[in-house]
Amino acid sequence: MSIPQDKIEILSTDLLERHKEEVRSLKSLARGLRIQLGWHYLLDLTWILENLGDPGGMQLLDAGAGVGLLQWYLVEQGAARVISVDRSDRSDLVLRFRARYKVSGLRPADLKPAPAVIRRNIQAARGTGKLAPALRGLASLLLIPLPKARPGRIVFYNQNLADMTDVPDDSLDAVVSVSALEHNTPEALPSVVAGIMRKIKPGGRLLATLGAAREKDWFHEPSQGWNYTDASLRNLFDLASEASSNYAHHDEFFAALKECAELRDHLSSFYLKSGNNGMPWGKWDPQYQPVGVCKIKTKG
């Protein structure tokens, strides 16, 4: 295996061809967990997994994870522990995730006990005519055998990425982030990156996907995310001067993305229900393309 290096890489649709089996596994798990994927997320996920390597036994952090697919997939692939960080409150995590995975909160407030969630669901259903379905759903969840996951644990931490004081410095093998860091302002992102890097062990890596911009940075209103040029990513992530980049092929990759049948023909259903999203009313019309940043924490 080649030694990992700092790099910026626009995500080529060739990733889907190179990782057909992984793509099938990711899609299968997403269906099983009822997670809908963003239009470019298969590219983001396969790029991160390709650059992470075997996660077996790793201590990882998923930055801006929400309840997204990557954290669950990493545990199923053998990660020992994934700290799931997001600024949103996920303490009421739904039962289908709790039934399949070992989950806990980094602090007591980060994840409510399952019985408290069950009581809340039943109380919310009373008087709405939905109590019986809620009870049937609970019973079926408890009785239907679910696939056995790997023994790793997911630890929820509802916190801003710039303020992860409860995660020890130099404690993580890697940090991964799927299309999340671009939701910080350009002014705030460098401190977020610096805070993340402090948590990684020397020799470990940050693998993050964002949006690419060809000539100047711009803000994509529907996704509330920034798209960055090569020069801006080098500055924002404080990349080594020798970090490689394929931005010279921006237009070539973008043309291939627009013709990608795998992504075009399998848009998640939520895109069909609104005109205020990345693919208004399900019309395939990419306005940007994803880019990955790999940053290695130097030793010493």
Protein backbone atom coordinates (compact mmCIF):
# COMPACT_ATOMS: atom_id res chain seq x y z
CA MET A 1 0.00 0.00 0.00
CA SER A 2 1.35 3.44 -0.92
CA ILE A 3 2.23 5.90 1.82
CA PRO A 4 -0.66 8.38 2.26
CA GLN A 5 0.07 11.95 1.26
CA ASP A 6 -1.72 15.28 1.50
CA LYS A 7 -3.86 15.71 -1.61
CA ILE A 8 -6.88 17.37 -3.19
CA GLU A 9 -8.88 15.13 -5.48
CA ILE A 10 -12.04 15.90 -7.45
CA LEU A 11 -14.07 12.71 -7.20
CA SER A 12 -14.15 10.87 -10.49
CA THR A 13 -17.15 8.71 -11.41
CA ASP A 14 -14.57 5.95 -12.00
CA LEU A 15 -14.78 5.40 -8.24
CA LEU A 16 -18.14 3.69 -8.73
CA GLU A 17 -16.65 1.31 -11.28
CA ARG A 18 -13.57 0.53 -9.18
CA HIS A 19 -15.65 -0.20 -6.09
CA LYS A 20 -18.72 -1.99 -7.43
CA GLU A 21 -18.95 -4.37 -4.48
CA GLU A 22 -18.62 -1.56 -1.95
CA VAL A 23 -21.29 0.44 -3.80
CA ARG A 24 -23.64 -2.54 -3.60
CA SER A 25 -22.93 -2.94 0.11
CA LEU A 26 -23.44 0.76 0.83
CA LYS A 27 -26.75 0.83 -1.05
CA SER A 28 -27.94 -2.35 0.67
CA LEU A 29 -27.15 -1.01 4.13
CA ALA A 30 -28.81 2.33 3.31
CA ARG A 31 -32.01 0.49 2.31
CA GLY A 32 -31.90 -1.64 5.45
CA LEU A 33 -31.48 1.38 7.71
CA ARG A 34 -33.89 3.57 5.71
CA ILE A 35 -31.23 6.18 5.04
CA GLN A 36 -31.60 8.24 1.87
CA LEU A 37 -28.34 9.30 0.26
CA GLY A 38 -27.49 12.70 -1.13
CA TRP A 39 -27.07 12.74 -4.91
CA HIS A 40 -23.25 12.51 -4.85
CA TYR A 41 -22.78 10.58 -1.60
CA LEU A 42 -21.79 7.28 -3.24
CA LEU A 43 -18.79 9.13 -4.67
CA ASP A 44 -17.95 10.69 -1.30
CA LEU A 45 -18.29 7.41 0.56
CA THR A 46 -16.26 5.31 -1.85
CA TRP A 47 -13.48 7.92 -1.98
CA ILE A 48 -13.25 8.07 1.81
CA LEU A 49 -13.25 4.28 2.13
CA GLU A 50 -10.63 3.91 -0.61
CA ASN A 51 -8.30 6.35 1.16
CA LEU A 52 -9.01 5.05 4.65
CA GLY A 53 -8.20 1.42 3.95
CA ASP A 54 -9.27 -1.38 6.26
CA PRO A 55 -10.99 0.26 9.29
CA GLY A 56 -10.63 -2.90 11.37
CA GLY A 57 -9.76 -2.01 14.96
CA MET A 58 -9.55 1.71 14.27
CA GLN A 59 -10.62 4.51 16.59
CA LEU A 60 -12.41 6.96 14.25
CA LEU A 61 -14.41 10.16 14.35
CA ASP A 62 -17.18 11.00 11.87
CA ALA A 63 -17.33 14.80 11.71
CA GLY A 64 -20.78 16.20 10.96
CA ALA A 65 -22.19 12.68 10.98
CA GLY A 66 -25.88 13.28 11.75
CA VAL A 67 -27.38 9.80 11.47
CA GLY A 68 -25.69 9.29 8.09
CA LEU A 69 -24.55 6.03 6.58
CA LEU A 70 -20.78 6.14 6.98
CA GLN A 71 -20.61 5.66 10.75
CA TRP A 72 -22.79 2.52 10.62
CA TYR A 73 -20.87 1.11 7.66
CA LEU A 74 -17.52 1.61 9.40
CA VAL A 75 -18.67 -0.32 12.44
CA GLU A 76 -19.95 -3.14 10.24
CA GLN A 77 -16.54 -3.22 8.56
CA GLY A 78 -14.79 -3.69 11.90
CA ALA A 79 -14.04 -0.23 13.29
CA ALA A 80 -13.57 -0.54 17.05
CA ARG A 81 -15.12 2.80 17.93
CA VAL A 82 -16.63 5.66 15.96
CA ILE A 83 -17.25 8.96 17.70
CA SER A 84 -20.22 10.49 15.88
CA VAL A 85 -20.05 14.29 16.16
CA ASP A 86 -22.72 16.71 15.01
CA ARG A 87 -23.93 20.07 16.24
CA SER A 88 -27.54 18.84 16.12
CA ASP A 89 -29.17 17.02 19.03
CA ARG A 90 -29.51 13.29 18.29
CA SER A 91 -30.21 12.18 21.84
CA ASP A 92 -33.59 10.75 20.75
CA LEU A 93 -31.93 8.33 18.32
CA VAL A 94 -34.57 6.09 16.76
CA LEU A 95 -34.89 2.50 17.89
CA ARG A 96 -33.92 0.77 14.65
CA PHE A 97 -30.34 2.00 15.07
CA ARG A 98 -30.22 1.08 18.74
CA ALA A 99 -31.47 -2.44 17.98
CA ARG A 100 -28.70 -3.15 15.50
CA TYR A 101 -25.67 -1.34 16.93
CA LYS A 102 -23.93 -0.75 20.21
CA VAL A 103 -24.53 2.94 20.83
CA SER A 104 -23.81 5.24 23.74
CA GLY A 105 -23.38 8.92 24.51
CA LEU A 106 -20.00 10.47 25.21
CA ARG A 107 -21.85 12.41 27.94
CA PRO A 108 -25.17 11.40 29.54
CA ALA A 109 -27.06 14.12 27.65
CA ASP A 110 -25.74 12.96 24.25
CA LEU A 111 -27.99 9.87 24.09
CA LYS A 112 -31.17 9.26 26.06
CA PRO A 113 -31.82 5.70 27.31
CA ALA A 114 -33.95 3.59 24.97
CA PRO A 115 -36.85 3.24 27.47
CA ALA A 116 -37.19 7.04 27.58
CA VAL A 117 -37.46 7.15 23.80
CA ILE A 118 -40.05 4.36 23.81
CA ARG A 119 -42.15 6.20 26.42
CA ARG A 120 -41.97 9.41 24.43
CA ASN A 121 -43.06 7.64 21.24
CA ILE A 122 -46.05 6.07 22.96
CA GLN A 123 -47.08 9.32 24.65
CA ALA A 124 -46.81 11.19 21.36
CA ALA A 125 -49.02 8.60 19.65
CA ARG A 126 -51.81 8.72 22.23
CA GLY A 127 -54.91 10.48 21.06
CA THR A 128 -53.72 10.57 17.46
CA GLY A 129 -55.06 7.20 16.37
CA LYS A 130 -51.48 6.03 15.89
CA LEU A 131 -50.94 4.27 19.21
CA ALA A 132 -51.65 0.77 17.89
CA PRO A 133 -49.29 1.18 14.92
CA ALA A 134 -46.63 2.56 17.26
CA LEU A 135 -46.95 -0.46 19.54
CA ARG A 136 -46.94 -2.87 16.60
CA GLY A 137 -43.84 -1.18 15.23
CA LEU A 138 -42.13 -1.47 18.61
CA ALA A 139 -43.08 -5.14 18.95
CA SER A 140 -41.85 -5.98 15.47
CA LEU A 141 -38.61 -4.14 16.13
CA LEU A 142 -38.00 -6.19 19.25
CA LEU A 143 -39.04 -9.54 17.77
CA ILE A 144 -37.60 -9.52 14.25
CA PRO A 145 -34.01 -10.78 14.31
CA LEU A 146 -31.63 -8.22 12.86
CA PRO A 147 -28.23 -8.86 11.25
CA LYS A 148 -25.42 -9.10 13.74
CA ALA A 149 -23.10 -6.12 13.50
CA ARG A 150 -19.41 -6.17 14.26
CA PRO A 151 -18.54 -5.60 17.93
CA GLY A 152 -17.58 -1.94 17.50
CA ARG A 153 -19.39 0.90 19.23
CA ILE A 154 -20.74 4.24 18.03
CA VAL A 155 -20.45 7.06 20.56
CA PHE A 156 -22.67 10.10 20.03
CA TYR A 157 -21.32 13.53 20.83
CA ASN A 158 -23.68 16.43 20.14
CA GLN A 159 -21.14 19.21 19.84
CA ASN A 160 -19.71 21.82 17.52
CA LEU A 161 -16.63 20.52 15.70
CA ALA A 162 -14.62 23.53 16.85
CA ASP A 163 -15.21 22.71 20.52
CA MET A 164 -14.58 18.96 20.98
CA THR A 165 -13.06 19.32 24.43
CA ASP A 166 -14.25 15.86 25.53
CA VAL A 167 -12.23 14.06 22.84
CA PRO A 168 -8.57 13.63 23.91
CA ASP A 169 -5.87 15.05 21.66
CA ASP A 170 -3.81 12.54 19.64
CA SER A 171 -6.39 9.79 20.23
CA LEU A 172 -7.84 8.98 16.79
CA ASP A 173 -6.54 6.92 13.90
CA ALA A 174 -8.52 9.05 11.43
CA VAL A 175 -11.34 11.55 11.05
CA VAL A 176 -13.81 11.22 8.19
CA SER A 177 -16.36 13.77 7.05
CA VAL A 178 -18.98 13.42 4.29
CA SER A 179 -20.05 16.73 2.76
CA ALA A 180 -20.20 18.47 6.15
CA LEU A 181 -17.28 20.85 6.57
CA GLU A 182 -18.50 23.11 3.75
CA HIS A 183 -21.39 24.18 6.00
CA ASN A 184 -18.90 26.21 8.04
CA THR A 185 -18.09 29.70 6.85
CA PRO A 186 -14.72 30.18 5.11
CA GLU A 187 -13.67 32.28 8.09
CA ALA A 188 -14.52 29.52 10.58
CA LEU A 189 -13.28 26.48 8.65
CA PRO A 190 -9.53 26.81 9.38
CA SER A 191 -10.13 26.67 13.15
CA VAL A 192 -12.44 23.68 12.70
CA VAL A 193 -9.76 21.86 10.68
CA ALA A 194 -7.09 22.75 13.25
CA GLY A 195 -9.32 21.46 16.06
CA ILE A 196 -9.93 18.20 14.21
CA MET A 197 -6.24 17.68 13.50
CA ARG A 198 -5.41 18.02 17.19
CA LYS A 199 -7.50 14.92 17.90
CA ILE A 200 -5.70 12.72 15.34
CA LYS A 201 -2.68 10.63 16.24
CA PRO A 202 0.59 11.51 14.49
CA GLY A 203 0.55 9.71 11.16
CA GLY A 204 -3.25 9.61 11.08
CA ARG A 205 -5.39 11.41 8.54
CA LEU A 206 -8.37 13.63 7.92
CA LEU A 207 -10.51 12.57 4.95
CA ALA A 208 -13.17 15.14 4.10
CA THR A 209 -15.38 15.73 1.09
CA LEU A 210 -16.66 19.17 0.12
CA GLY A 211 -17.82 20.97 -3.03
CA ALA A 212 -15.41 22.01 -5.78
CA ALA A 213 -15.34 25.42 -7.49
CA ARG A 214 -13.43 26.03 -10.72
CA GLU A 215 -12.45 29.70 -10.61
CA LYS A 216 -13.83 31.34 -7.46
CA ASP A 217 -15.43 30.22 -4.23
CA TRP A 218 -19.22 30.32 -4.19
CA PHE A 219 -22.10 29.43 -1.88
CA HIS A 220 -24.70 26.88 -2.99
CA GLU A 221 -27.92 28.11 -1.42
CA PRO A 222 -30.04 24.90 -1.60
CA SER A 223 -27.43 22.81 0.24
CA GLN A 224 -26.17 25.72 2.37
CA GLY A 225 -22.62 24.76 1.50
CA TRP A 226 -19.50 26.45 0.15
CA ASN A 227 -17.70 25.31 -2.99
CA TYR A 228 -13.96 25.93 -3.02
CA THR A 229 -11.17 26.37 -5.54
CA ASP A 230 -7.91 24.45 -5.34
CA ALA A 231 -6.13 27.50 -3.93
CA SER A 232 -8.76 28.02 -1.23
CA LEU A 233 -8.67 24.37 -0.12
CA ARG A 234 -4.87 24.51 0.19
CA ASN A 235 -5.19 27.58 2.39
CA LEU A 236 -8.19 26.47 4.45
CA PHE A 237 -6.70 23.03 5.21
CA ASP A 238 -3.12 24.30 5.56
CA LEU A 239 -1.93 21.64 3.13
CA ALA A 240 1.70 20.84 2.50
CA SER A 241 3.11 22.61 -0.55
CA GLU A 242 3.71 19.29 -2.30
CA ALA A 243 0.07 18.21 -1.95
CA SER A 244 -1.12 16.87 -5.30
CA SER A 245 -4.30 18.03 -7.04
CA ASN A 246 -6.31 17.00 -10.10
CA TYR A 247 -8.14 20.33 -10.48
CA ALA A 248 -6.60 20.66 -13.95
CA HIS A 249 -9.18 18.04 -15.01
CA HIS A 250 -12.14 19.89 -13.42
CA ASP A 251 -14.13 20.27 -16.63
CA GLU A 252 -13.45 16.71 -17.79
CA PHE A 253 -14.64 15.25 -14.48
CA PHE A 254 -17.67 17.54 -14.37
CA ALA A 255 -18.76 16.45 -17.87
CA ALA A 256 -18.49 12.78 -16.83
CA LEU A 257 -20.45 13.48 -13.64
CA LYS A 258 -23.32 15.00 -15.59
CA GLU A 259 -23.54 11.80 -17.67
CA CYS A 260 -23.28 9.37 -14.73
CA ALA A 261 -26.28 7.02 -15.00
CA GLU A 262 -25.67 5.43 -11.60
CA LEU A 263 -26.21 8.76 -9.85
CA ARG A 264 -28.69 10.28 -12.30
CA ASP A 265 -31.10 7.34 -12.36
CA HIS A 266 -31.16 6.60 -8.63
CA LEU A 267 -31.91 9.92 -6.95
CA SER A 268 -33.37 9.57 -3.46
CA SER A 269 -37.09 10.20 -3.27
CA PHE A 270 -36.75 13.37 -1.18
CA TYR A 271 -35.41 15.18 -4.24
CA LEU A 272 -38.75 14.58 -5.98
CA LYS A 273 -40.72 16.35 -3.25
CA SER A 274 -39.21 19.85 -3.24
CA GLY A 275 -37.88 22.57 -5.47
CA ASN A 276 -35.52 23.78 -2.77
CA ASN A 277 -32.78 21.16 -2.79
CA GLY A 278 -29.72 20.13 -4.75
CA MET A 279 -31.83 18.52 -7.48
CA PRO A 280 -35.11 20.54 -7.57
CA TRP A 281 -38.10 18.26 -8.16
CA GLY A 282 -35.77 15.40 -9.06
CA LYS A 283 -34.36 16.99 -12.22
CA TRP A 284 -30.78 15.83 -12.73
CA ASP A 285 -28.70 18.99 -13.07
CA PRO A 286 -25.49 19.00 -10.97
CA GLN A 287 -24.34 22.51 -10.12
CA TYR A 288 -21.03 21.44 -8.56
CA GLN A 289 -18.98 18.31 -8.04
CA PRO A 290 -17.57 16.77 -4.88
CA VAL A 291 -13.91 17.03 -4.00
CA GLY A 292 -11.93 15.12 -1.40
CA VAL A 293 -9.19 16.47 0.84
CA CYS A 294 -6.69 14.16 2.52
CA LYS A 295 -4.55 15.79 5.22
CA ILE A 296 -1.96 13.75 7.13
CA LYS A 297 -0.93 14.68 10.65
CA THR A 298 2.83 14.85 10.60
CA LYS A 299 4.79 12.97 13.21
CA GLY A 300 6.70 14.80 15.85
